[in-house]
Structures are given as structure tokens and as C-alpha cells.
Amino acid sequence: MIDERWQVIERYVAFLLKMKNINMDYSTQSNWQEIQAFLPEEFQLKRGHEPSEEWWQWRGHQVHLDRFRNPHAKVKVILFHGVGTNGRQMSTILGRPLFTRGFETLAIDMPEYGMTRVAPSVLVTYDDWVQAGSDLIDAELAKDPRPIMLYGLSAGGMLAVHVAALNKKVKGIVGMTFLDQGEQQVRDETALNFLMSRIGVPLTHLAAKTPLAALRMPMSLASKMSALVNNKAALKACLSDKTSAGKWVTMKFLSSLTAYKPIVEPEAFAVCPILLTQPEKDLWTPLYLSEIFLKRVKRVPTKVVMLKNAGHYPLEQPGLTQMGDAVVEFIHSCCFT
């Protein structure tokens, strides 16, 4: 009798959690608003000026999209977050600024992050992120033939490269760092510490092949999340957000992040030009870590623009405005010349 009552209670709790999850979007989530309060006022999304929120059904996942729709825009920009941010944080620093300058923007919450609802019992991998990005491009091109540019912050920079290599239909890539996790130096300097890089990473590979693959740990214990932003109060707000910097990820995801094998090596990448917008005061991933990748790119043009006074996830001026200007100039060079 007691067991039956517990089963009823468990089913009811599961139902409540499901209903709560169904209603979750950025209109009901306050973390992003707390984070954007540290941005200059002109980059904060005011009530009534937020992006439209959409859901894209992909492989059983309900993928959340922030869209600033502009049917008259000649170019569409898809924004990728990293492992310490989400799509709404991309919408604030670049999605709306580009929209106000005449472009359509689309920020995706990759499975496990943001408001995206992961399919039941699925263990998401970085490979899924790459495939989702490529399939999203195809889905957008099926609606209209407008040129597509990619932007990626932090881990999203290399994600944009990997997606473009797989998809081959984008016109240009902008990255806020390009971190090739296949390079030992990059793993050493972006992990929480040397021990995590040299021992923790191999252990995730072992765990990913066992029932421990579903075991979760905070991303902040795997990486230098403490260097995400340079403002201590803002960092506290970021780490409180369990959909971005405060995310717990599985051993399988962590393993796939460092074990991913790109479709082509950098020397053979020939899809489109690449722009690095490097924050001047990035305490997590300084310029030389991205140069490890960029120096290997031989078949397409690459360019670097430094963002003054900006941190890894930039909250500061003039870096934010410089980033927008550099991206707009780059879009024109890729799509209108």
C-alpha cells in the first residue's frame, strides 16, 4: 500500500516537473536579466524589445531559438554560445545590435544549455552540437536563400568552424576565440588546472565508456569559468545561472568536447573567411591560444580585431561597440563584395 502511494506521488511530481519545464522560456527565467544588468544600458534588452522565442524540433530535442526577425535583411547571422553562456546572452551582446543595423539574427540554445529541452534519456555530446548547427543552417536555407554568417563565443568559435566544415554553406565565421581542444596547450590553459587537463580529461574518456557516462559535474570544475567575466559581481550572477556558467554537464559531453575529430584539419579548411574578435583583457583565453588554430589556416583569409577593455564574455566598452562594428564590416566584405 505504501509503495503504491509512493508511486502515485512520484508520478505526480514528475507531472509537475514536466509542466514546469513546458512553460520554461526566457520570459519566465530571470538569470539572464540579472546578467545583462552589468552590460551598458544600450545593450540591455528592454521589455517589449526582446527577441521572439521559437522552438525547433530536432532529434527529439525541443531546441530553443532567440530570433530577431527581419524579412528585409539581406543576411542572416546565427549565434553560437560556448560552455559558459547561452543563446540569450548572445542576443544581448550581438543579436539585437546587429538587428538594429539591418540584419536578421538567430541565437540557438544548444542541447543541455539555455531553455532547450533535451529528449528523455539522451546523453548529449559535442558532436550533437556540430550536427545541430549544420541542420539548423539547412533548415534556415530551406525557408529562404539569404546568405548565412556564423558567430561563436568561446567554445562557440571552434563550434562555428566545425559546423561550417560539415555544412559548407556559410559565407563567413566570426569567433570570440578559436580554441582547438585537440591541442594539448589549449587544454592545459583552458582547463581549471593542470591536474584537470592531464588527469581529469583522460578520466572523462574512460567514464564515457561506462555507466558513469551520465554522471554530471559543474562546468566550473572542468574549466576556468572564474575568468568568464572580469567583474566579480557579474561572475556571481553568471555562476548562479544553471542554464549557462553554472551548468552541470555529463562525463560523456566533457569527453566528446575534447575528443571531437573535425571533418577537415585547419590546413584544409576552405569554406569561408574567418574573423577573430579577441577581447583585449580576456583572462581565460588570450590571443596566442587562438593563434595556434589561425596559423594553421592556409586556404581562406583570416583577420584579427582586438576589442579594447573587453573580457572573455565582454561586458565592457569600447570593446562591445568595436565588436559590432567589426562584425558588420566583415559581413559586408563576405556578402556584398
Protein backbone atom coordinates (compact mmCIF):
# COMPACT_ATOMS: atom_id res chain seq x y z
CA MET A 1 0.00 0.00 0.00
CA ILE A 2 2.83 2.37 0.94
CA ASP A 3 4.67 1.50 -2.28
CA GLU A 4 1.56 2.29 -4.30
CA ARG A 5 1.22 5.68 -2.58
CA TRP A 6 4.87 6.49 -3.33
CA GLN A 7 4.32 5.57 -6.96
CA VAL A 8 1.38 7.97 -7.15
CA ILE A 9 3.45 10.71 -5.51
CA GLU A 10 6.37 10.10 -7.86
CA ARG A 11 4.10 10.26 -10.91
CA TYR A 12 2.55 13.50 -9.64
CA VAL A 13 5.95 15.09 -9.00
CA ALA A 14 7.12 14.00 -12.46
CA PHE A 15 3.98 15.56 -13.94
CA LEU A 16 4.58 18.85 -12.11
CA LEU A 17 8.20 18.96 -13.24
CA LYS A 18 7.12 18.27 -16.80
CA MET A 19 4.54 21.04 -16.70
CA LYS A 20 7.11 23.44 -15.23
CA ASN A 21 9.56 22.54 -17.97
CA ILE A 22 6.97 23.07 -20.68
CA ASN A 23 6.43 26.64 -19.54
CA MET A 24 10.12 27.50 -19.21
CA ASP A 25 11.39 30.18 -21.55
CA TYR A 26 13.31 33.40 -21.09
CA SER A 27 10.14 35.31 -20.25
CA THR A 28 9.97 33.29 -17.03
CA GLN A 29 13.72 33.00 -16.34
CA SER A 30 15.36 35.89 -14.51
CA ASN A 31 19.05 34.93 -14.59
CA TRP A 32 19.70 36.50 -17.98
CA GLN A 33 18.19 39.76 -16.78
CA GLU A 34 20.49 39.78 -13.76
CA ILE A 35 23.48 39.18 -16.05
CA GLN A 36 22.52 41.80 -18.63
CA ALA A 37 22.29 44.41 -15.87
CA PHE A 38 26.10 44.52 -15.99
CA LEU A 39 26.07 45.46 -19.68
CA PRO A 40 25.99 49.09 -20.85
CA GLU A 41 22.38 50.25 -20.95
CA GLU A 42 22.28 50.36 -24.75
CA PHE A 43 22.99 46.60 -24.85
CA GLN A 44 20.27 45.64 -22.37
CA LEU A 45 17.06 44.18 -23.77
CA LYS A 46 14.14 46.34 -22.70
CA ARG A 47 10.65 44.96 -22.16
CA GLY A 48 8.89 44.66 -25.49
CA HIS A 49 12.18 44.60 -27.41
CA GLU A 50 13.25 41.04 -26.64
CA PRO A 51 13.74 38.52 -29.44
CA SER A 52 10.89 36.23 -30.37
CA GLU A 53 11.23 32.80 -28.77
CA GLU A 54 10.79 29.77 -31.01
CA TRP A 55 11.08 26.00 -30.67
CA TRP A 56 12.78 23.84 -33.26
CA GLN A 57 12.16 20.09 -33.09
CA TRP A 58 15.46 18.31 -33.63
CA ARG A 59 16.11 14.61 -32.95
CA GLY A 60 13.63 14.54 -30.10
CA HIS A 61 15.00 17.73 -28.50
CA GLN A 62 12.97 20.91 -28.30
CA VAL A 63 15.65 23.39 -29.25
CA HIS A 64 15.12 26.98 -28.16
CA LEU A 65 15.82 29.81 -30.60
CA ASP A 66 16.02 33.55 -29.99
CA ARG A 67 15.17 35.31 -33.23
CA PHE A 68 15.27 38.97 -34.21
CA ARG A 69 13.28 38.61 -37.40
CA ASN A 70 13.86 40.98 -40.30
CA PRO A 71 12.38 39.74 -43.59
CA HIS A 72 14.05 42.64 -45.41
CA ALA A 73 17.54 41.76 -44.18
CA LYS A 74 19.91 40.59 -46.88
CA VAL A 75 21.99 38.50 -44.45
CA LYS A 76 21.15 36.20 -41.53
CA VAL A 77 23.57 35.69 -38.63
CA ILE A 78 23.38 32.55 -36.47
CA LEU A 79 24.91 32.93 -33.00
CA PHE A 80 26.54 30.08 -31.05
CA HIS A 81 27.24 30.25 -27.31
CA GLY A 82 30.04 28.45 -25.51
CA VAL A 83 30.08 26.25 -22.40
CA GLY A 84 29.64 29.19 -20.01
CA THR A 85 26.88 31.11 -21.77
CA ASN A 86 23.59 30.56 -23.59
CA GLY A 87 21.69 31.94 -26.55
CA ARG A 88 20.06 34.81 -24.68
CA GLN A 89 23.49 36.09 -23.67
CA MET A 90 24.39 36.11 -27.37
CA SER A 91 21.22 38.04 -28.15
CA THR A 92 22.22 40.84 -25.78
CA ILE A 93 25.82 41.46 -26.82
CA LEU A 94 25.37 40.96 -30.58
CA GLY A 95 21.93 39.67 -31.64
CA ARG A 96 20.00 42.87 -31.07
CA PRO A 97 22.87 45.23 -32.03
CA LEU A 98 23.12 43.52 -35.43
CA PHE A 99 19.33 43.56 -35.78
CA THR A 100 19.27 47.33 -35.24
CA ARG A 101 21.82 47.60 -38.06
CA GLY A 102 19.64 45.79 -40.55
CA PHE A 103 20.40 42.08 -40.13
CA GLU A 104 18.33 39.10 -39.02
CA THR A 105 19.84 37.19 -36.10
CA LEU A 106 19.17 33.79 -34.61
CA ALA A 107 20.70 32.58 -31.33
CA ILE A 108 20.44 28.88 -30.57
CA ASP A 109 20.47 27.19 -27.16
CA MET A 110 22.44 24.04 -27.83
CA PRO A 111 21.07 20.88 -26.17
CA GLU A 112 21.81 20.94 -22.41
CA TYR A 113 22.06 24.75 -22.31
CA GLY A 114 19.63 27.62 -22.07
CA MET A 115 15.94 26.84 -22.46
CA THR A 116 16.39 23.86 -24.80
CA ARG A 117 14.59 20.74 -23.57
CA VAL A 118 16.66 17.61 -24.00
CA ALA A 119 14.94 14.43 -25.18
CA PRO A 120 14.36 11.91 -22.37
CA SER A 121 17.28 9.59 -21.54
CA VAL A 122 19.56 11.13 -24.19
CA LEU A 123 23.18 11.89 -23.33
CA VAL A 124 24.14 14.89 -25.41
CA THR A 125 27.61 15.13 -27.00
CA TYR A 126 29.59 17.91 -28.63
CA ASP A 127 29.13 16.00 -31.90
CA ASP A 128 25.39 16.64 -31.46
CA TRP A 129 26.11 20.37 -31.21
CA VAL A 130 28.00 20.29 -34.50
CA GLN A 131 25.23 18.35 -36.24
CA ALA A 132 22.52 20.57 -34.76
CA GLY A 133 24.30 23.69 -36.00
CA SER A 134 24.61 22.25 -39.51
CA ASP A 135 21.00 21.08 -39.59
CA LEU A 136 19.81 24.49 -38.37
CA ILE A 137 21.61 26.14 -41.29
CA ASP A 138 19.90 23.73 -43.69
CA ALA A 139 16.53 24.40 -42.07
CA GLU A 140 17.01 28.16 -42.42
CA LEU A 141 18.19 27.91 -46.04
CA ALA A 142 15.15 25.79 -46.84
CA LYS A 143 12.99 28.78 -45.82
CA ASP A 144 14.89 31.35 -47.88
CA PRO A 145 18.23 31.59 -49.70
CA ARG A 146 19.69 34.56 -47.80
CA PRO A 147 23.41 34.24 -47.02
CA ILE A 148 24.23 32.93 -43.54
CA MET A 149 27.09 34.07 -41.32
CA LEU A 150 28.14 32.35 -38.10
CA TYR A 151 29.27 33.90 -34.83
CA GLY A 152 30.60 31.88 -31.90
CA LEU A 153 31.73 32.94 -28.44
CA SER A 154 34.40 30.99 -26.56
CA ALA A 155 33.88 27.30 -27.38
CA GLY A 156 31.31 28.56 -29.87
CA GLY A 157 34.13 29.87 -32.04
CA MET A 158 35.51 26.44 -32.87
CA LEU A 159 31.94 25.15 -32.96
CA ALA A 160 31.27 27.61 -35.79
CA VAL A 161 34.33 26.29 -37.65
CA HIS A 162 33.29 22.66 -37.14
CA VAL A 163 29.72 23.41 -38.23
CA ALA A 164 30.89 25.28 -41.33
CA ALA A 165 33.27 22.46 -42.26
CA LEU A 166 30.40 19.99 -42.05
CA ASN A 167 27.76 22.17 -43.72
CA LYS A 168 29.86 24.06 -46.29
CA LYS A 169 27.11 26.65 -46.95
CA VAL A 170 28.06 29.62 -44.79
CA LYS A 171 29.65 32.83 -46.04
CA GLY A 172 31.81 33.77 -43.07
CA ILE A 173 32.75 32.94 -39.47
CA VAL A 174 33.33 35.31 -36.57
CA GLY A 175 34.80 33.83 -33.41
CA MET A 176 35.36 35.27 -29.96
CA THR A 177 38.36 32.92 -29.56
CA PHE A 178 39.13 29.74 -31.51
CA LEU A 179 40.07 27.04 -29.03
CA ASP A 180 41.30 23.85 -30.68
CA GLN A 181 40.84 21.26 -27.95
CA GLY A 182 42.94 18.85 -30.00
CA GLU A 183 45.97 20.90 -28.90
CA GLN A 184 47.43 19.93 -25.53
CA GLN A 185 48.47 23.53 -24.77
CA VAL A 186 44.90 24.71 -25.28
CA ARG A 187 43.55 22.00 -22.97
CA ASP A 188 46.20 22.80 -20.35
CA GLU A 189 45.48 26.53 -20.30
CA THR A 190 41.69 26.47 -20.54
CA ALA A 191 41.06 23.67 -18.02
CA LEU A 192 40.57 24.53 -14.36
CA ASN A 193 44.16 23.47 -13.66
CA PHE A 194 46.96 21.26 -14.94
CA LEU A 195 45.69 18.27 -12.97
CA MET A 196 42.25 18.52 -14.54
CA SER A 197 43.81 18.76 -18.00
CA ARG A 198 46.29 15.89 -17.72
CA ILE A 199 44.33 13.52 -15.46
CA GLY A 200 40.73 14.72 -15.48
CA VAL A 201 40.34 14.72 -19.29
CA PRO A 202 41.58 11.11 -19.72
CA LEU A 203 39.28 10.06 -16.87
CA THR A 204 36.27 11.55 -18.66
CA HIS A 205 37.17 9.46 -21.72
CA LEU A 206 37.19 6.32 -19.56
CA ALA A 207 33.96 7.26 -17.77
CA ALA A 208 32.22 7.97 -21.09
CA LYS A 209 32.55 4.28 -21.98
CA THR A 210 30.89 3.11 -18.75
CA PRO A 211 27.58 3.66 -16.92
CA LEU A 212 29.34 6.68 -15.38
CA ALA A 213 28.84 8.46 -18.72
CA ALA A 214 25.69 10.06 -17.27
CA LEU A 215 27.50 11.33 -14.16
CA ARG A 216 27.47 15.12 -14.01
CA MET A 217 29.89 17.72 -12.71
CA PRO A 218 29.87 21.53 -12.76
CA MET A 219 31.48 23.01 -15.84
CA SER A 220 33.19 25.38 -13.42
CA LEU A 221 35.22 22.43 -12.05
CA ALA A 222 36.34 21.41 -15.52
CA SER A 223 37.28 24.85 -16.85
CA LYS A 224 38.42 28.32 -15.77
CA MET A 225 34.87 29.59 -15.51
CA SER A 226 36.10 32.06 -12.89
CA ALA A 227 37.60 34.03 -15.81
CA LEU A 228 34.36 34.21 -17.80
CA VAL A 229 33.87 37.88 -16.95
CA ASN A 230 36.14 40.40 -15.23
CA ASN A 231 33.50 41.84 -12.91
CA LYS A 232 33.19 39.86 -9.65
CA ALA A 233 29.52 40.70 -9.10
CA ALA A 234 28.73 39.77 -12.71
CA LEU A 235 30.62 36.49 -12.30
CA LYS A 236 28.46 35.63 -9.30
CA ALA A 237 25.34 36.26 -11.38
CA CYS A 238 26.70 34.13 -14.23
CA LEU A 239 27.61 31.20 -11.98
CA SER A 240 24.13 31.33 -10.43
CA ASP A 241 22.62 30.61 -13.85
CA LYS A 242 22.25 26.83 -14.14
CA THR A 243 21.49 27.20 -17.86
CA SER A 244 24.90 28.75 -18.65
CA ALA A 245 28.01 29.25 -16.47
CA GLY A 246 26.50 27.27 -13.60
CA LYS A 247 25.69 24.28 -15.81
CA TRP A 248 26.45 20.70 -14.74
CA VAL A 249 27.40 18.52 -17.72
CA THR A 250 27.83 14.78 -18.19
CA MET A 251 31.09 12.86 -18.44
CA LYS A 252 30.04 11.92 -21.95
CA PHE A 253 29.71 15.54 -23.01
CA LEU A 254 33.03 16.54 -21.43
CA SER A 255 34.77 13.64 -23.14
CA SER A 256 33.27 14.48 -26.52
CA LEU A 257 34.26 18.14 -26.18
CA THR A 258 37.97 17.31 -26.09
CA ALA A 259 37.84 14.19 -28.29
CA TYR A 260 35.95 15.66 -31.27
CA LYS A 261 37.59 14.96 -34.63
CA PRO A 262 36.84 17.72 -37.18
CA ILE A 263 35.72 16.91 -40.71
CA VAL A 264 38.86 18.62 -42.02
CA GLU A 265 42.04 19.86 -40.37
CA PRO A 266 42.63 23.64 -40.27
CA GLU A 267 45.09 23.46 -43.18
CA ALA A 268 42.33 22.07 -45.43
CA PHE A 269 39.51 24.38 -44.28
CA ALA A 270 38.31 26.22 -47.39
CA VAL A 271 34.67 27.13 -46.72
CA CYS A 272 34.79 30.86 -45.91
CA PRO A 273 36.83 33.73 -44.41
CA ILE A 274 37.40 33.84 -40.65
CA LEU A 275 37.43 36.82 -38.28
CA LEU A 276 38.67 36.66 -34.69
CA THR A 277 37.32 39.38 -32.39
CA GLN A 278 39.75 39.00 -29.49
CA PRO A 279 38.94 40.66 -26.15
CA GLU A 280 41.96 42.64 -25.00
CA LYS A 281 41.52 41.68 -21.33
CA ASP A 282 40.49 38.06 -21.80
CA LEU A 283 41.86 36.34 -18.68
CA TRP A 284 40.73 32.89 -19.83
CA THR A 285 41.78 32.58 -23.47
CA PRO A 286 44.40 35.12 -24.54
CA LEU A 287 45.17 35.82 -28.19
CA TYR A 288 48.00 33.31 -28.56
CA LEU A 289 45.68 30.36 -27.87
CA SER A 290 43.51 31.28 -30.86
CA GLU A 291 46.60 31.93 -32.97
CA ILE A 292 47.52 28.25 -32.59
CA PHE A 293 44.49 27.50 -34.77
CA LEU A 294 44.59 30.55 -37.04
CA LYS A 295 48.22 30.00 -38.04
CA ARG A 296 47.24 26.60 -39.43
CA VAL A 297 44.50 28.04 -41.65
CA LYS A 298 46.01 28.42 -45.14
CA ARG A 299 43.18 28.36 -47.69
CA VAL A 300 40.91 31.20 -46.54
CA PRO A 301 41.59 34.76 -45.34
CA THR A 302 41.83 35.32 -41.58
CA LYS A 303 41.74 38.58 -39.67
CA VAL A 304 42.10 39.63 -36.03
CA VAL A 305 40.40 42.63 -34.40
CA MET A 306 41.24 43.47 -30.79
CA LEU A 307 38.42 44.61 -28.52
CA LYS A 308 39.68 47.21 -26.07
CA ASN A 309 39.00 46.75 -22.36
CA ALA A 310 36.82 43.67 -23.01
CA GLY A 311 36.78 40.42 -21.04
CA HIS A 312 36.13 36.87 -22.26
CA TYR A 313 32.36 37.38 -22.22
CA PRO A 314 32.51 41.10 -22.91
CA LEU A 315 30.61 43.47 -20.67
CA GLU A 316 32.80 46.47 -21.34
CA GLN A 317 33.07 49.41 -23.68
CA PRO A 318 34.54 50.27 -26.09
CA GLY A 319 35.02 46.55 -26.85
CA LEU A 320 31.33 45.81 -27.33
CA THR A 321 30.85 48.56 -29.88
CA GLN A 322 34.11 47.65 -31.61
CA MET A 323 32.89 44.07 -31.91
CA GLY A 324 29.64 45.13 -33.58
CA ASP A 325 31.48 47.42 -35.99
CA ALA A 326 33.99 44.70 -36.88
CA VAL A 327 31.26 42.13 -37.49
CA VAL A 328 29.26 44.48 -39.72
CA GLU A 329 32.35 45.32 -41.77
CA PHE A 330 33.17 41.62 -42.05
CA ILE A 331 29.64 40.74 -43.18
CA HIS A 332 29.85 43.33 -45.94
CA SER A 333 33.24 42.01 -47.07
CA CYS A 334 31.92 38.44 -47.21
CA CYS A 335 28.49 39.02 -48.70
CA PHE A 336 28.48 42.29 -50.65
CA THR A 337 31.82 42.41 -52.46
